[in-house]
Amino acid sequence: MNRNRRIFIVVFVVFTTIVALLAIDMGRRTTAPWNKRREAERAFDGTNKTKKDVTQVDTLGDTLLTP
């Protein structure tokens, strides 16, 4: 096997491995179309106890410009 062919094979294997790892990573981070309904039900089931009360007025923003 000559040198150019060996370099080509090594670069091909490295490139294919990187693309495969990226595809696996993207596949783990996304939801399949047939699971989207269950994913939304879990996200918005109403049992989230960490909701933040955003109805209060921010008074610090008004005092930044006063001397």
N, C-alpha and C. Protein backbone atom coordinates (compact mmCIF):
# COMPACT_ATOMS: atom_id res chain seq x y z
N MET A 1 0.85 -1.17 0.00
CA MET A 1 0.00 0.00 0.00
C MET A 1 0.90 1.24 0.00
N ASN A 2 0.68 2.12 -0.96
CA ASN A 2 1.54 3.29 -1.01
C ASN A 2 1.10 4.33 0.03
N ARG A 3 1.91 5.35 0.15
CA ARG A 3 1.72 6.34 1.23
C ARG A 3 0.43 7.14 1.04
N ASN A 4 0.13 7.54 -0.19
CA ASN A 4 -1.06 8.35 -0.45
C ASN A 4 -2.34 7.59 -0.12
N ARG A 5 -2.37 6.33 -0.45
CA ARG A 5 -3.55 5.53 -0.16
C ARG A 5 -3.74 5.37 1.35
N ARG A 6 -2.66 5.17 2.07
CA ARG A 6 -2.74 5.03 3.53
C ARG A 6 -3.25 6.32 4.17
N ILE A 7 -2.76 7.47 3.71
CA ILE A 7 -3.23 8.77 4.23
C ILE A 7 -4.71 8.94 3.92
N PHE A 8 -5.13 8.58 2.71
CA PHE A 8 -6.53 8.69 2.34
C PHE A 8 -7.41 7.84 3.25
N ILE A 9 -7.01 6.63 3.52
CA ILE A 9 -7.80 5.73 4.36
C ILE A 9 -7.89 6.27 5.79
N VAL A 10 -6.79 6.77 6.32
CA VAL A 10 -6.80 7.32 7.68
C VAL A 10 -7.71 8.54 7.77
N VAL A 11 -7.59 9.44 6.80
CA VAL A 11 -8.44 10.64 6.79
C VAL A 11 -9.91 10.24 6.62
N PHE A 12 -10.19 9.27 5.78
CA PHE A 12 -11.55 8.81 5.57
C PHE A 12 -12.15 8.23 6.85
N VAL A 13 -11.39 7.42 7.55
CA VAL A 13 -11.88 6.81 8.80
C VAL A 13 -12.12 7.88 9.86
N VAL A 14 -11.20 8.82 9.99
CA VAL A 14 -11.37 9.89 10.98
C VAL A 14 -12.59 10.75 10.65
N PHE A 15 -12.74 11.13 9.39
CA PHE A 15 -13.88 11.94 8.97
C PHE A 15 -15.20 11.20 9.20
N THR A 16 -15.26 9.93 8.83
CA THR A 16 -16.47 9.15 9.01
C THR A 16 -16.81 9.00 10.48
N THR A 17 -15.82 8.82 11.32
CA THR A 17 -16.05 8.70 12.76
C THR A 17 -16.60 10.00 13.33
N ILE A 18 -16.04 11.12 12.92
CA ILE A 18 -16.52 12.42 13.42
C ILE A 18 -17.96 12.67 12.98
N VAL A 19 -18.27 12.38 11.73
CA VAL A 19 -19.64 12.59 11.24
C VAL A 19 -20.61 11.66 11.96
N ALA A 20 -20.22 10.42 12.20
CA ALA A 20 -21.09 9.48 12.91
C ALA A 20 -21.33 9.94 14.34
N LEU A 21 -20.29 10.42 15.02
CA LEU A 21 -20.47 10.91 16.39
C LEU A 21 -21.37 12.14 16.43
N LEU A 22 -21.23 13.03 15.48
CA LEU A 22 -22.11 14.20 15.42
C LEU A 22 -23.56 13.79 15.15
N ALA A 23 -23.77 12.82 14.29
CA ALA A 23 -25.13 12.35 14.01
C ALA A 23 -25.75 11.69 15.23
N ILE A 24 -24.97 10.92 15.97
CA ILE A 24 -25.48 10.29 17.19
C ILE A 24 -25.82 11.35 18.23
N ASP A 25 -24.97 12.36 18.37
CA ASP A 25 -25.22 13.44 19.32
C ASP A 25 -26.49 14.21 18.96
N MET A 26 -26.67 14.53 17.69
CA MET A 26 -27.88 15.24 17.27
C MET A 26 -29.11 14.37 17.46
N GLY A 27 -28.99 13.09 17.24
CA GLY A 27 -30.13 12.19 17.42
C GLY A 27 -30.55 12.07 18.87
N ARG A 28 -29.62 12.15 19.78
CA ARG A 28 -29.96 12.08 21.20
C ARG A 28 -30.62 13.34 21.70
N ARG A 29 -30.30 14.47 21.09
CA ARG A 29 -30.83 15.76 21.56
C ARG A 29 -32.20 16.10 20.99
N THR A 30 -32.66 15.39 20.00
CA THR A 30 -33.93 15.71 19.37
C THR A 30 -34.98 14.69 19.76
N THR A 31 -36.23 15.04 19.51
CA THR A 31 -37.35 14.16 19.82
C THR A 31 -37.92 13.63 18.51
N ALA A 32 -38.24 12.37 18.49
CA ALA A 32 -38.84 11.78 17.30
C ALA A 32 -40.23 12.36 17.08
N PRO A 33 -40.69 12.48 15.84
CA PRO A 33 -42.00 13.08 15.58
C PRO A 33 -43.14 12.35 16.26
N TRP A 34 -43.04 11.04 16.41
CA TRP A 34 -44.13 10.30 17.04
C TRP A 34 -44.11 10.42 18.57
N ASN A 35 -43.08 11.02 19.16
CA ASN A 35 -43.02 11.21 20.61
C ASN A 35 -43.26 12.65 21.03
N LYS A 36 -43.54 13.54 20.10
CA LYS A 36 -43.67 14.95 20.44
C LYS A 36 -44.85 15.21 21.37
N ARG A 37 -45.96 14.51 21.23
CA ARG A 37 -47.11 14.72 22.09
C ARG A 37 -46.78 14.36 23.53
N ARG A 38 -46.13 13.23 23.73
CA ARG A 38 -45.76 12.83 25.09
C ARG A 38 -44.72 13.77 25.69
N GLU A 39 -43.82 14.28 24.86
CA GLU A 39 -42.81 15.22 25.34
C GLU A 39 -43.48 16.51 25.82
N ALA A 40 -44.48 16.99 25.07
CA ALA A 40 -45.19 18.21 25.47
C ALA A 40 -46.00 17.96 26.73
N GLU A 41 -46.59 16.79 26.87
CA GLU A 41 -47.36 16.49 28.07
C GLU A 41 -46.46 16.46 29.30
N ARG A 42 -45.27 15.93 29.16
CA ARG A 42 -44.35 15.91 30.30
C ARG A 42 -43.84 17.29 30.63
N ALA A 43 -43.67 18.13 29.63
CA ALA A 43 -43.14 19.47 29.87
C ALA A 43 -44.18 20.38 30.50
N PHE A 44 -45.45 20.21 30.15
CA PHE A 44 -46.49 21.12 30.62
C PHE A 44 -47.55 20.40 31.43
N ASP A 45 -47.15 19.48 32.29
CA ASP A 45 -48.13 18.72 33.06
C ASP A 45 -48.67 19.47 34.27
N GLY A 46 -48.13 20.63 34.60
CA GLY A 46 -48.65 21.42 35.70
C GLY A 46 -48.07 21.08 37.05
N THR A 47 -47.14 20.15 37.12
CA THR A 47 -46.55 19.79 38.41
C THR A 47 -45.21 20.45 38.63
N ASN A 48 -44.88 21.43 37.83
CA ASN A 48 -43.60 22.11 37.95
C ASN A 48 -43.65 23.05 39.16
N LYS A 49 -42.87 22.75 40.16
CA LYS A 49 -42.86 23.55 41.38
C LYS A 49 -41.84 24.67 41.33
N THR A 50 -41.08 24.76 40.26
CA THR A 50 -40.02 25.76 40.19
C THR A 50 -40.42 26.98 39.38
N LYS A 51 -41.71 27.17 39.15
CA LYS A 51 -42.15 28.33 38.38
C LYS A 51 -41.86 29.61 39.14
N LYS A 52 -41.42 30.60 38.43
CA LYS A 52 -41.05 31.88 39.02
C LYS A 52 -42.21 32.85 38.91
N ASP A 53 -42.46 33.59 39.96
CA ASP A 53 -43.52 34.59 39.95
C ASP A 53 -43.01 35.83 39.24
N VAL A 54 -43.54 36.09 38.07
CA VAL A 54 -43.06 37.22 37.28
C VAL A 54 -44.03 38.38 37.30
N THR A 55 -44.97 38.40 38.23
CA THR A 55 -45.96 39.47 38.28
C THR A 55 -45.48 40.66 39.09
N GLN A 56 -44.37 40.56 39.78
CA GLN A 56 -43.87 41.67 40.58
C GLN A 56 -43.17 42.69 39.69
N VAL A 57 -43.23 43.96 40.12
CA VAL A 57 -42.62 45.04 39.36
C VAL A 57 -41.16 45.17 39.77
N ASP A 58 -40.30 45.35 38.78
CA ASP A 58 -38.87 45.52 39.05
C ASP A 58 -38.63 46.99 39.39
N THR A 59 -38.31 47.27 40.65
CA THR A 59 -38.09 48.65 41.07
C THR A 59 -36.62 49.03 40.99
N LEU A 60 -35.72 48.09 40.88
CA LEU A 60 -34.29 48.41 40.79
C LEU A 60 -33.95 49.07 39.47
N GLY A 61 -34.66 48.74 38.42
CA GLY A 61 -34.39 49.33 37.12
C GLY A 61 -34.63 50.82 37.10
N ASP A 62 -35.57 51.32 37.91
CA ASP A 62 -35.87 52.74 37.94
C ASP A 62 -34.88 53.53 38.78
N THR A 63 -34.21 52.90 39.72
CA THR A 63 -33.32 53.61 40.62
C THR A 63 -31.88 53.68 40.12
N LEU A 64 -31.58 53.09 39.00
CA LEU A 64 -30.20 53.10 38.52
C LEU A 64 -29.78 54.48 38.02
N LEU A 65 -30.72 55.27 37.53
CA LEU A 65 -30.36 56.56 36.96
C LEU A 65 -30.42 57.70 37.98
N THR A 66 -30.96 57.45 39.15
CA THR A 66 -31.05 58.52 40.16
C THR A 66 -29.74 58.62 40.92
N PRO A 67 -29.31 59.86 41.23
CA PRO A 67 -28.01 60.01 41.92
C PRO A 67 -28.06 59.66 43.39
